[in-house]
């Protein structure tokens, strides 16, 4: 994971929170032996990575995967409508 200390450039993210949330985050950071910034960056980065991966990943059943592979290996002839669409600039 990239961090500000290893990156040639850094960008700032500011946020506001309740005193209770701040105290809990500070306690969690201390328990992890890191700074609040390090704790928040690590956890936000991992959460963002999961969200993006979930968005970019398609899960198929075995049956659907086999149908997809078969369609890729044996594509249908293009229809006239598809040919017309592809001919457009």
N, C-alpha and C. Protein backbone atom coordinates (compact mmCIF):
# COMPACT_ATOMS: atom_id res chain seq x y z
N UNK A 1 0.84 -1.18 0.00
CA UNK A 1 0.00 0.00 0.00
C UNK A 1 0.88 1.23 0.00
N UNK A 2 0.62 2.21 -0.88
CA UNK A 2 1.41 3.42 -0.88
C UNK A 2 1.15 4.24 0.37
N UNK A 3 2.17 4.86 0.88
CA UNK A 3 2.01 5.73 2.04
C UNK A 3 2.65 7.07 1.74
N UNK A 4 2.28 8.07 2.51
CA UNK A 4 2.81 9.41 2.29
C UNK A 4 4.32 9.45 2.48
N UNK A 5 4.86 8.65 3.40
CA UNK A 5 6.29 8.69 3.66
C UNK A 5 7.10 8.07 2.52
N UNK A 6 6.50 7.20 1.72
CA UNK A 6 7.21 6.56 0.62
C UNK A 6 6.87 7.17 -0.74
N UNK A 7 5.85 7.99 -0.80
CA UNK A 7 5.42 8.56 -2.07
C UNK A 7 6.19 9.85 -2.35
N UNK A 8 6.60 10.08 -3.60
CA UNK A 8 7.29 11.31 -3.93
C UNK A 8 6.39 12.53 -3.77
N UNK A 9 5.11 12.35 -3.94
CA UNK A 9 4.13 13.42 -3.74
C UNK A 9 3.10 12.94 -2.74
N UNK A 10 2.46 13.87 -2.06
CA UNK A 10 1.39 13.47 -1.16
C UNK A 10 0.19 14.39 -1.37
N UNK A 11 -0.96 13.88 -1.04
CA UNK A 11 -2.20 14.64 -1.15
C UNK A 11 -2.90 14.60 0.20
N UNK A 12 -3.56 15.65 0.51
CA UNK A 12 -4.23 15.76 1.81
C UNK A 12 -5.70 15.41 1.67
N UNK A 13 -6.22 14.71 2.68
CA UNK A 13 -7.66 14.45 2.80
C UNK A 13 -8.07 14.97 4.17
N UNK A 14 -9.04 15.85 4.18
CA UNK A 14 -9.54 16.39 5.44
C UNK A 14 -10.94 15.85 5.69
N UNK A 15 -11.27 15.61 6.94
CA UNK A 15 -12.63 15.19 7.27
C UNK A 15 -12.99 15.65 8.67
N UNK A 16 -14.28 15.73 8.88
CA UNK A 16 -14.79 16.10 10.21
C UNK A 16 -15.53 14.89 10.76
N UNK A 17 -15.48 14.76 12.08
CA UNK A 17 -16.14 13.64 12.73
C UNK A 17 -16.60 14.06 14.12
N UNK A 18 -17.33 13.19 14.75
CA UNK A 18 -17.78 13.47 16.11
C UNK A 18 -16.63 13.23 17.08
N UNK A 19 -16.69 13.86 18.25
CA UNK A 19 -15.65 13.60 19.25
C UNK A 19 -15.56 12.13 19.64
N UNK A 20 -16.71 11.44 19.67
CA UNK A 20 -16.71 10.02 20.03
C UNK A 20 -15.98 9.19 18.98
N UNK A 21 -16.25 9.46 17.70
CA UNK A 21 -15.58 8.71 16.64
C UNK A 21 -14.08 9.00 16.66
N UNK A 22 -13.71 10.25 16.88
CA UNK A 22 -12.29 10.62 16.93
C UNK A 22 -11.59 9.88 18.06
N UNK A 23 -12.22 9.85 19.22
CA UNK A 23 -11.62 9.16 20.36
C UNK A 23 -11.45 7.67 20.08
N UNK A 24 -12.44 7.06 19.47
CA UNK A 24 -12.36 5.63 19.16
C UNK A 24 -11.25 5.36 18.14
N UNK A 25 -11.15 6.21 17.12
CA UNK A 25 -10.10 6.05 16.11
C UNK A 25 -8.73 6.24 16.74
N UNK A 26 -8.59 7.23 17.61
CA UNK A 26 -7.31 7.44 18.30
C UNK A 26 -6.93 6.24 19.16
N UNK A 27 -7.92 5.66 19.84
CA UNK A 27 -7.65 4.48 20.67
C UNK A 27 -7.23 3.30 19.80
N UNK A 28 -7.96 3.09 18.70
CA UNK A 28 -7.63 1.98 17.80
C UNK A 28 -6.23 2.16 17.22
N UNK A 29 -5.88 3.38 16.83
CA UNK A 29 -4.55 3.64 16.28
C UNK A 29 -3.49 3.34 17.32
N UNK A 30 -3.72 3.75 18.55
CA UNK A 30 -2.75 3.48 19.61
C UNK A 30 -2.61 1.98 19.85
N UNK A 31 -3.71 1.26 19.84
CA UNK A 31 -3.66 -0.20 20.03
C UNK A 31 -2.90 -0.88 18.89
N UNK A 32 -2.97 -0.31 17.69
CA UNK A 32 -2.25 -0.87 16.54
C UNK A 32 -0.80 -0.39 16.49
N UNK A 33 -0.45 0.56 17.35
CA UNK A 33 0.91 1.07 17.38
C UNK A 33 1.22 1.97 16.19
N UNK A 34 0.25 2.72 15.75
CA UNK A 34 0.44 3.60 14.59
C UNK A 34 -0.17 4.96 14.88
N UNK A 35 0.02 5.89 13.99
CA UNK A 35 -0.59 7.20 14.12
C UNK A 35 -2.04 7.14 13.66
N UNK A 36 -2.79 8.18 14.03
CA UNK A 36 -4.17 8.27 13.56
C UNK A 36 -4.18 8.33 12.03
N UNK A 37 -3.29 9.14 11.45
CA UNK A 37 -3.23 9.25 9.99
C UNK A 37 -2.88 7.91 9.36
N UNK A 38 -1.90 7.22 9.91
CA UNK A 38 -1.52 5.91 9.38
C UNK A 38 -2.64 4.90 9.50
N UNK A 39 -3.32 4.89 10.65
CA UNK A 39 -4.43 3.98 10.87
C UNK A 39 -5.56 4.26 9.88
N UNK A 40 -5.91 5.53 9.72
CA UNK A 40 -7.00 5.87 8.82
C UNK A 40 -6.64 5.60 7.37
N UNK A 41 -5.42 5.92 6.97
CA UNK A 41 -5.00 5.67 5.60
C UNK A 41 -5.01 4.18 5.29
N UNK A 42 -4.45 3.37 6.17
CA UNK A 42 -4.41 1.93 5.94
C UNK A 42 -5.81 1.35 5.81
N UNK A 43 -6.69 1.71 6.72
CA UNK A 43 -8.04 1.14 6.71
C UNK A 43 -8.89 1.68 5.57
N UNK A 44 -8.78 2.97 5.28
CA UNK A 44 -9.54 3.54 4.16
C UNK A 44 -9.04 2.97 2.84
N UNK A 45 -7.73 2.81 2.70
CA UNK A 45 -7.16 2.27 1.47
C UNK A 45 -7.63 0.83 1.24
N UNK A 46 -7.59 0.01 2.28
CA UNK A 46 -8.04 -1.38 2.15
C UNK A 46 -9.53 -1.45 1.83
N UNK A 47 -10.34 -0.61 2.48
CA UNK A 47 -11.77 -0.59 2.19
C UNK A 47 -12.02 -0.15 0.75
N UNK A 48 -11.30 0.86 0.30
CA UNK A 48 -11.46 1.34 -1.07
C UNK A 48 -11.03 0.27 -2.07
N UNK A 49 -9.96 -0.43 -1.78
CA UNK A 49 -9.48 -1.50 -2.66
C UNK A 49 -10.53 -2.60 -2.79
N UNK A 50 -11.17 -2.96 -1.67
CA UNK A 50 -12.22 -3.99 -1.70
C UNK A 50 -13.43 -3.53 -2.52
N UNK A 51 -13.84 -2.28 -2.32
CA UNK A 51 -15.00 -1.75 -3.06
C UNK A 51 -14.72 -1.76 -4.56
N UNK A 52 -13.53 -1.30 -4.94
CA UNK A 52 -13.18 -1.26 -6.36
C UNK A 52 -13.06 -2.68 -6.92
N UNK A 53 -12.45 -3.58 -6.17
CA UNK A 53 -12.31 -4.97 -6.63
C UNK A 53 -13.69 -5.62 -6.78
N UNK A 54 -14.59 -5.37 -5.83
CA UNK A 54 -15.94 -5.93 -5.94
C UNK A 54 -16.66 -5.38 -7.16
N UNK A 55 -16.43 -4.12 -7.47
CA UNK A 55 -17.06 -3.50 -8.63
C UNK A 55 -16.47 -4.03 -9.94
N UNK A 56 -15.18 -4.33 -9.94
CA UNK A 56 -14.48 -4.73 -11.16
C UNK A 56 -14.46 -6.24 -11.38
N UNK A 57 -15.00 -7.01 -10.45
CA UNK A 57 -14.97 -8.47 -10.54
C UNK A 57 -16.35 -9.00 -10.88
N UNK A 58 -16.40 -9.89 -11.85
CA UNK A 58 -17.65 -10.53 -12.24
C UNK A 58 -17.59 -11.98 -11.76
N UNK A 59 -18.57 -12.37 -11.00
CA UNK A 59 -18.63 -13.75 -10.51
C UNK A 59 -19.67 -14.51 -11.34
N UNK A 60 -19.27 -15.65 -11.89
CA UNK A 60 -20.16 -16.48 -12.68
C UNK A 60 -20.25 -17.87 -12.08
N UNK A 61 -21.40 -18.48 -12.24
CA UNK A 61 -21.51 -19.90 -11.88
C UNK A 61 -20.71 -20.70 -12.91
N UNK A 62 -20.43 -21.94 -12.60
CA UNK A 62 -19.68 -22.77 -13.54
C UNK A 62 -20.41 -22.87 -14.88
N UNK A 63 -21.74 -23.03 -14.81
CA UNK A 63 -22.55 -23.13 -16.03
C UNK A 63 -22.45 -21.85 -16.87
N UNK A 64 -22.57 -20.70 -16.20
CA UNK A 64 -22.50 -19.42 -16.92
C UNK A 64 -21.09 -19.19 -17.47
N UNK A 65 -20.07 -19.59 -16.73
CA UNK A 65 -18.70 -19.46 -17.22
C UNK A 65 -18.49 -20.29 -18.48
N UNK A 66 -18.98 -21.51 -18.47
CA UNK A 66 -18.85 -22.38 -19.64
C UNK A 66 -19.61 -21.80 -20.84
N UNK A 67 -20.79 -21.21 -20.59
CA UNK A 67 -21.55 -20.58 -21.68
C UNK A 67 -20.80 -19.38 -22.22
N UNK A 68 -20.18 -18.61 -21.35
CA UNK A 68 -19.39 -17.45 -21.78
C UNK A 68 -18.21 -17.89 -22.64
N UNK A 69 -17.49 -18.90 -22.20
CA UNK A 69 -16.34 -19.42 -22.96
C UNK A 69 -16.80 -19.94 -24.32
N UNK A 70 -17.90 -20.67 -24.33
CA UNK A 70 -18.42 -21.20 -25.60
C UNK A 70 -18.79 -20.06 -26.55
N UNK A 71 -19.40 -19.00 -26.03
CA UNK A 71 -19.77 -17.87 -26.87
C UNK A 71 -18.53 -17.16 -27.40
N UNK A 72 -17.48 -17.08 -26.60
CA UNK A 72 -16.23 -16.45 -27.06
C UNK A 72 -15.54 -17.30 -28.12
N UNK A 73 -15.57 -18.60 -27.93
CA UNK A 73 -14.89 -19.49 -28.86
C UNK A 73 -15.66 -19.70 -30.15
N UNK A 74 -16.98 -19.56 -30.10
CA UNK A 74 -17.83 -19.76 -31.26
C UNK A 74 -18.79 -18.59 -31.42
N UNK A 75 -18.28 -17.42 -31.78
CA UNK A 75 -19.18 -16.25 -31.86
C UNK A 75 -20.18 -16.39 -33.00
N UNK A 76 -21.35 -15.79 -32.79
CA UNK A 76 -22.38 -15.77 -33.84
C UNK A 76 -21.96 -14.79 -34.92
N UNK A 77 -22.52 -14.99 -36.11
CA UNK A 77 -22.29 -14.05 -37.20
C UNK A 77 -22.93 -12.71 -36.83
N UNK A 78 -22.29 -11.60 -37.14
CA UNK A 78 -22.89 -10.30 -36.81
C UNK A 78 -24.18 -10.07 -37.60
N UNK A 79 -25.14 -9.45 -36.94
CA UNK A 79 -26.40 -9.12 -37.60
C UNK A 79 -26.20 -7.88 -38.48
N UNK A 80 -27.18 -7.62 -39.33
CA UNK A 80 -27.10 -6.43 -40.17
C UNK A 80 -27.10 -5.17 -39.31
N UNK A 81 -27.86 -5.18 -38.23
CA UNK A 81 -27.90 -4.01 -37.34
C UNK A 81 -26.53 -3.77 -36.72
N UNK A 82 -25.84 -4.82 -36.32
CA UNK A 82 -24.50 -4.68 -35.76
C UNK A 82 -23.52 -4.16 -36.82
N UNK A 83 -23.60 -4.69 -38.01
CA UNK A 83 -22.74 -4.20 -39.07
C UNK A 83 -22.96 -2.70 -39.33
N UNK A 84 -24.23 -2.29 -39.36
CA UNK A 84 -24.55 -0.88 -39.58
C UNK A 84 -24.00 -0.03 -38.44
N UNK A 85 -24.14 -0.51 -37.24
CA UNK A 85 -23.64 0.22 -36.07
C UNK A 85 -22.12 0.36 -36.13
N UNK A 86 -21.43 -0.69 -36.46
CA UNK A 86 -19.97 -0.67 -36.52
C UNK A 86 -19.46 0.18 -37.68
N UNK A 87 -20.27 0.36 -38.72
CA UNK A 87 -19.87 1.16 -39.87
C UNK A 87 -20.00 2.66 -39.59
N UNK A 88 -20.72 3.02 -38.54
CA UNK A 88 -20.91 4.43 -38.22
C UNK A 88 -19.60 5.04 -37.73
N UNK A 89 -19.43 6.30 -38.00
CA UNK A 89 -18.24 7.01 -37.51
C UNK A 89 -18.55 7.66 -36.23
